[in-house]
């Protein structure tokens, strides 16, 4: 079954295949709408990229903030456990 995927999807389409795809696109959308379609697709991809970068930045900030808070919290926890141990001994 793995061997047939190479036959079904041999790689990038060649010149003939690209011409057929372009012809079908012109027939479906019309020659006037293709530049508008390409422009809107590019804008959508740009917006998606911006959104992805914002989410990655927020996640990184959360990780950095969580790591900084985690070290502060562990310092406080160890100080509290030392106090508790000292109170228990006396």
N, C-alpha and C. Protein backbone atom coordinates (compact mmCIF):
# COMPACT_ATOMS: atom_id res chain seq x y z
N UNK A 1 0.82 -1.18 0.00
CA UNK A 1 0.00 0.00 0.00
C UNK A 1 0.87 1.25 0.00
N UNK A 2 2.02 1.24 0.64
CA UNK A 2 2.91 2.39 0.65
C UNK A 2 3.46 2.67 -0.73
N UNK A 3 3.66 1.64 -1.53
CA UNK A 3 4.19 1.83 -2.87
C UNK A 3 3.21 2.55 -3.78
N UNK A 4 1.92 2.39 -3.56
CA UNK A 4 0.93 3.03 -4.44
C UNK A 4 0.83 4.52 -4.19
N UNK A 5 1.18 5.00 -2.99
CA UNK A 5 1.10 6.43 -2.74
C UNK A 5 2.10 7.19 -3.60
N UNK A 6 3.22 6.58 -3.93
CA UNK A 6 4.18 7.19 -4.83
C UNK A 6 3.62 7.33 -6.23
N UNK A 7 2.80 6.40 -6.65
CA UNK A 7 2.19 6.45 -7.97
C UNK A 7 1.06 7.47 -7.99
N UNK A 8 0.27 7.52 -6.92
CA UNK A 8 -0.85 8.45 -6.88
C UNK A 8 -0.39 9.89 -6.72
N UNK A 9 0.66 10.11 -5.93
CA UNK A 9 1.18 11.45 -5.68
C UNK A 9 2.68 11.46 -5.97
N UNK A 10 3.06 11.50 -7.24
CA UNK A 10 4.47 11.36 -7.57
C UNK A 10 5.33 12.57 -7.22
N UNK A 11 4.76 13.69 -6.90
CA UNK A 11 5.55 14.87 -6.56
C UNK A 11 4.85 16.13 -7.04
N UNK A 12 5.63 17.14 -7.28
CA UNK A 12 5.08 18.41 -7.74
C UNK A 12 4.53 18.25 -9.16
N UNK A 13 3.41 18.93 -9.43
CA UNK A 13 2.86 18.85 -10.79
C UNK A 13 3.79 19.51 -11.80
N UNK A 14 3.83 18.94 -12.98
CA UNK A 14 4.67 19.47 -14.05
C UNK A 14 3.96 20.60 -14.79
N UNK A 15 4.56 21.01 -15.90
CA UNK A 15 4.03 22.13 -16.69
C UNK A 15 2.64 21.81 -17.23
N UNK A 16 2.45 20.62 -17.76
CA UNK A 16 1.16 20.25 -18.34
C UNK A 16 0.07 20.26 -17.27
N UNK A 17 0.37 19.69 -16.11
CA UNK A 17 -0.62 19.65 -15.04
C UNK A 17 -0.96 21.05 -14.55
N UNK A 18 0.04 21.92 -14.45
CA UNK A 18 -0.22 23.30 -14.02
C UNK A 18 -1.08 24.05 -15.03
N UNK A 19 -0.86 23.80 -16.31
CA UNK A 19 -1.68 24.44 -17.34
C UNK A 19 -3.14 23.98 -17.24
N UNK A 20 -3.33 22.69 -17.00
CA UNK A 20 -4.69 22.16 -16.85
C UNK A 20 -5.36 22.77 -15.62
N UNK A 21 -4.63 22.87 -14.50
CA UNK A 21 -5.18 23.46 -13.29
C UNK A 21 -5.54 24.92 -13.52
N UNK A 22 -4.66 25.67 -14.21
CA UNK A 22 -4.93 27.07 -14.52
C UNK A 22 -6.15 27.21 -15.42
N UNK A 23 -6.28 26.34 -16.41
CA UNK A 23 -7.44 26.38 -17.31
C UNK A 23 -8.73 26.12 -16.55
N UNK A 24 -8.71 25.15 -15.65
CA UNK A 24 -9.90 24.85 -14.84
C UNK A 24 -10.24 26.03 -13.95
N UNK A 25 -9.23 26.68 -13.36
CA UNK A 25 -9.47 27.84 -12.51
C UNK A 25 -10.09 28.98 -13.31
N UNK A 26 -9.60 29.21 -14.52
CA UNK A 26 -10.16 30.27 -15.37
C UNK A 26 -11.60 29.94 -15.73
N UNK A 27 -11.88 28.69 -16.03
CA UNK A 27 -13.26 28.30 -16.37
C UNK A 27 -14.19 28.43 -15.17
N UNK A 28 -13.71 28.08 -13.98
CA UNK A 28 -14.56 28.14 -12.79
C UNK A 28 -14.79 29.58 -12.31
N UNK A 29 -13.74 30.36 -12.23
CA UNK A 29 -13.84 31.67 -11.61
C UNK A 29 -13.90 32.83 -12.60
N UNK A 30 -13.45 32.62 -13.80
CA UNK A 30 -13.40 33.71 -14.77
C UNK A 30 -12.07 34.45 -14.65
N UNK A 31 -11.61 34.99 -15.76
CA UNK A 31 -10.30 35.64 -15.80
C UNK A 31 -10.27 36.90 -14.94
N UNK A 32 -11.40 37.58 -14.78
CA UNK A 32 -11.43 38.83 -14.01
C UNK A 32 -11.34 38.59 -12.50
N UNK A 33 -11.82 37.46 -12.03
CA UNK A 33 -11.89 37.22 -10.58
C UNK A 33 -10.63 36.54 -10.03
N UNK A 34 -9.80 35.99 -10.86
CA UNK A 34 -8.62 35.27 -10.36
C UNK A 34 -7.66 36.21 -9.61
N UNK A 35 -7.33 37.42 -10.11
CA UNK A 35 -6.45 38.30 -9.31
C UNK A 35 -7.06 38.68 -7.97
N UNK A 36 -8.38 38.92 -7.94
CA UNK A 36 -9.05 39.24 -6.68
C UNK A 36 -8.98 38.06 -5.72
N UNK A 37 -9.18 36.87 -6.26
CA UNK A 37 -9.11 35.66 -5.44
C UNK A 37 -7.71 35.46 -4.88
N UNK A 38 -6.69 35.68 -5.71
CA UNK A 38 -5.31 35.53 -5.26
C UNK A 38 -4.98 36.58 -4.20
N UNK A 39 -5.45 37.80 -4.39
CA UNK A 39 -5.18 38.87 -3.42
C UNK A 39 -5.83 38.56 -2.08
N UNK A 40 -7.09 38.15 -2.12
CA UNK A 40 -7.78 37.85 -0.86
C UNK A 40 -7.16 36.64 -0.16
N UNK A 41 -6.70 35.67 -0.93
CA UNK A 41 -6.03 34.52 -0.34
C UNK A 41 -4.73 34.94 0.34
N UNK A 42 -3.97 35.83 -0.31
CA UNK A 42 -2.74 36.33 0.28
C UNK A 42 -2.98 37.12 1.55
N UNK A 43 -4.03 37.95 1.54
CA UNK A 43 -4.37 38.72 2.74
C UNK A 43 -4.78 37.79 3.89
N UNK A 44 -5.55 36.77 3.56
CA UNK A 44 -5.99 35.82 4.59
C UNK A 44 -4.79 35.09 5.18
N UNK A 45 -3.85 34.71 4.32
CA UNK A 45 -2.65 34.02 4.82
C UNK A 45 -1.82 34.95 5.70
N UNK A 46 -1.75 36.24 5.34
CA UNK A 46 -1.03 37.21 6.17
C UNK A 46 -1.68 37.39 7.53
N UNK A 47 -2.99 37.48 7.57
CA UNK A 47 -3.71 37.61 8.84
C UNK A 47 -3.53 36.36 9.70
N UNK A 48 -3.56 35.21 9.06
CA UNK A 48 -3.35 33.97 9.80
C UNK A 48 -1.95 33.95 10.40
N UNK A 49 -0.95 34.38 9.63
CA UNK A 49 0.43 34.41 10.12
C UNK A 49 0.55 35.36 11.31
N UNK A 50 -0.07 36.54 11.24
CA UNK A 50 -0.03 37.50 12.35
C UNK A 50 -0.67 36.89 13.60
N UNK A 51 -1.81 36.26 13.43
CA UNK A 51 -2.50 35.64 14.57
C UNK A 51 -1.68 34.54 15.19
N UNK A 52 -1.03 33.73 14.35
CA UNK A 52 -0.20 32.64 14.86
C UNK A 52 0.99 33.19 15.64
N UNK A 53 1.59 34.26 15.14
CA UNK A 53 2.73 34.86 15.83
C UNK A 53 2.30 35.46 17.17
N UNK A 54 1.11 36.07 17.22
CA UNK A 54 0.62 36.64 18.48
C UNK A 54 0.38 35.54 19.51
N UNK A 55 -0.20 34.44 19.07
CA UNK A 55 -0.46 33.33 19.99
C UNK A 55 0.86 32.75 20.50
N UNK A 56 1.83 32.57 19.60
CA UNK A 56 3.13 32.05 20.03
C UNK A 56 3.79 32.99 21.03
N UNK A 57 3.68 34.30 20.79
CA UNK A 57 4.27 35.28 21.70
C UNK A 57 3.60 35.22 23.07
N UNK A 58 2.27 35.13 23.09
CA UNK A 58 1.54 35.03 24.36
C UNK A 58 1.93 33.77 25.12
N UNK A 59 2.05 32.66 24.40
CA UNK A 59 2.44 31.41 25.05
C UNK A 59 3.85 31.51 25.63
N UNK A 60 4.75 32.16 24.88
CA UNK A 60 6.11 32.32 25.38
C UNK A 60 6.14 33.21 26.62
N UNK A 61 5.32 34.28 26.61
CA UNK A 61 5.24 35.15 27.78
C UNK A 61 4.68 34.41 28.98
N UNK A 62 3.68 33.56 28.73
CA UNK A 62 3.10 32.78 29.82
C UNK A 62 4.14 31.81 30.39
N UNK A 63 4.93 31.18 29.49
CA UNK A 63 5.96 30.26 29.95
C UNK A 63 7.02 30.99 30.76
N UNK A 64 7.46 32.15 30.25
CA UNK A 64 8.47 32.93 30.96
C UNK A 64 7.93 33.44 32.28
N UNK A 65 6.70 33.93 32.29
CA UNK A 65 6.07 34.41 33.52
C UNK A 65 5.85 33.30 34.50
N UNK A 66 5.44 32.13 34.01
CA UNK A 66 5.21 30.98 34.88
C UNK A 66 6.50 30.47 35.48
N UNK A 67 7.57 30.51 34.70
CA UNK A 67 8.86 30.05 35.22
C UNK A 67 9.37 31.01 36.29
N UNK A 68 9.20 32.31 36.06
CA UNK A 68 9.66 33.30 37.05
C UNK A 68 8.82 33.19 38.32
N UNK A 69 7.52 33.03 38.17
CA UNK A 69 6.65 32.88 39.34
C UNK A 69 6.93 31.56 40.04
N UNK A 70 7.25 30.53 39.27
CA UNK A 70 7.53 29.22 39.85
C UNK A 70 8.75 29.25 40.74
N UNK A 71 9.79 29.98 40.35
CA UNK A 71 10.98 30.05 41.19
C UNK A 71 10.69 30.87 42.43
N UNK A 72 9.92 31.94 42.29
CA UNK A 72 9.57 32.72 43.47
C UNK A 72 8.73 31.88 44.43
N UNK A 73 7.79 31.13 43.89
CA UNK A 73 6.91 30.32 44.72
C UNK A 73 7.70 29.22 45.42
N UNK A 74 8.66 28.62 44.72
CA UNK A 74 9.42 27.55 45.37
C UNK A 74 10.29 28.11 46.48
N UNK A 75 10.80 29.32 46.32
CA UNK A 75 11.58 29.95 47.37
C UNK A 75 10.70 30.21 48.59
N UNK A 76 9.49 30.70 48.34
CA UNK A 76 8.56 30.96 49.43
C UNK A 76 8.17 29.66 50.11
N UNK A 77 7.90 28.60 49.30
CA UNK A 77 7.52 27.31 49.86
C UNK A 77 8.63 26.74 50.74
N UNK A 78 9.88 26.85 50.29
CA UNK A 78 10.97 26.29 51.10
C UNK A 78 11.14 27.09 52.39
N UNK A 79 10.93 28.41 52.32
CA UNK A 79 11.02 29.22 53.54
C UNK A 79 9.91 28.86 54.51
N UNK A 80 8.70 28.64 53.98
CA UNK A 80 7.58 28.27 54.85
C UNK A 80 7.80 26.90 55.46
N UNK A 81 8.34 25.96 54.69
CA UNK A 81 8.57 24.63 55.24
C UNK A 81 9.66 24.67 56.31
N UNK A 82 10.65 25.56 56.16
CA UNK A 82 11.68 25.72 57.18
C UNK A 82 11.08 26.28 58.46
N UNK A 83 10.17 27.26 58.31
CA UNK A 83 9.50 27.83 59.48
C UNK A 83 8.68 26.77 60.19
N UNK A 84 7.94 25.99 59.41
CA UNK A 84 7.09 24.96 59.98
C UNK A 84 7.93 23.92 60.71
N UNK A 85 9.04 23.53 60.10
CA UNK A 85 9.92 22.55 60.74
C UNK A 85 10.50 23.10 62.03
N UNK A 86 10.85 24.37 62.04
CA UNK A 86 11.42 24.99 63.25
C UNK A 86 10.37 25.07 64.33
N UNK A 87 9.12 25.42 63.99
CA UNK A 87 8.04 25.51 64.97
C UNK A 87 7.73 24.12 65.54
N UNK A 88 7.79 23.09 64.71
CA UNK A 88 7.48 21.75 65.15
C UNK A 88 8.53 21.26 66.15
N UNK A 89 9.78 21.60 65.91
CA UNK A 89 10.86 21.14 66.78
C UNK A 89 10.78 21.80 68.15
N UNK A 90 10.31 23.04 68.23
CA UNK A 90 10.30 23.73 69.53
C UNK A 90 9.09 23.46 70.32
